[in-house]
Amino acid sequence: MIKKITSFTHHTTSEGERISYTYSTIGEDGSLINSNERETMIVLDKGVLKHIGAITEMLAGRISD
């Protein structure tokens, strides 16, 4: 069985930095077992928070005048 991330998003909430994501579960024979299951988590890992900050800065640079 393989679990494959199909999408994710980041947003800031009152609890902290949150990542929501969906994934599909694929059987060994290639059959789709579950599609787009949704999960969410508050990010506590400082390394991951640093990566979120880098992505946010990169995106802000793309929209600045």
Protein backbone atom coordinates (compact mmCIF):
# COMPACT_ATOMS: atom_id res chain seq x y z
CA MET A 1 0.00 0.00 0.00
CA ILE A 2 1.27 3.47 -0.92
CA LYS A 3 0.03 6.78 0.47
CA LYS A 4 0.59 9.70 -1.92
CA ILE A 5 0.20 13.40 -1.04
CA THR A 6 -2.21 14.97 -3.54
CA SER A 7 -2.26 18.56 -2.23
CA PHE A 8 -1.28 20.74 0.69
CA THR A 9 -1.74 24.31 1.89
CA HIS A 10 -0.35 26.45 4.66
CA HIS A 11 -2.21 29.04 6.68
CA THR A 12 -1.70 30.94 9.91
CA THR A 13 -4.31 30.42 12.62
CA SER A 14 -4.61 31.56 16.23
CA GLU A 15 -3.04 28.22 17.23
CA GLY A 16 0.00 28.74 14.99
CA GLU A 17 1.16 27.69 11.55
CA ARG A 18 -1.15 25.02 10.15
CA ILE A 19 -0.65 22.67 7.23
CA SER A 20 -3.68 20.96 5.73
CA TYR A 21 -3.13 18.21 3.22
CA THR A 22 -4.89 15.50 1.26
CA TYR A 23 -3.60 12.11 0.23
CA SER A 24 -4.72 9.06 -1.67
CA THR A 25 -4.07 5.44 -0.75
CA ILE A 26 -3.03 3.18 -3.62
CA GLY A 27 -2.97 -0.62 -3.43
CA GLU A 28 0.04 -2.72 -4.47
CA ASP A 29 -1.82 -3.62 -7.67
CA GLY A 30 -2.36 0.07 -8.54
CA SER A 31 -5.98 0.19 -7.42
CA LEU A 32 -7.20 3.35 -5.71
CA ILE A 33 -8.27 2.43 -2.17
CA ASN A 34 -9.05 5.91 -0.78
CA SER A 35 -8.96 9.21 -2.62
CA ASN A 36 -8.22 12.64 -1.18
CA GLU A 37 -8.36 11.88 2.54
CA ARG A 38 -7.90 15.15 4.45
CA GLU A 39 -5.64 15.78 7.45
CA THR A 40 -4.43 18.91 9.24
CA MET A 41 -1.66 19.65 11.70
CA ILE A 42 -0.14 22.51 13.70
CA VAL A 43 3.55 22.80 12.78
CA LEU A 44 5.84 22.73 15.83
CA ASP A 45 9.09 21.61 14.16
CA LYS A 46 11.46 24.61 13.94
CA GLY A 47 13.07 23.31 10.73
CA VAL A 48 9.70 23.05 9.00
CA LEU A 49 8.73 26.51 10.27
CA LYS A 50 11.97 27.86 8.74
CA HIS A 51 11.03 26.29 5.37
CA ILE A 52 7.53 27.79 5.56
CA GLY A 53 9.14 31.19 6.19
CA ALA A 54 11.45 30.77 3.18
CA ILE A 55 8.52 29.89 0.89
CA THR A 56 6.51 32.85 2.22
CA GLU A 57 9.46 35.21 1.58
CA MET A 58 9.95 33.84 -1.94
CA LEU A 59 6.27 34.34 -2.76
CA ALA A 60 6.26 37.86 -1.29
CA GLY A 61 9.22 38.67 -3.55
CA ARG A 62 7.24 37.57 -6.58
CA ILE A 63 4.40 40.00 -5.85
CA SER A 64 6.41 43.02 -4.67
CA ASP A 65 6.63 46.06 -6.90
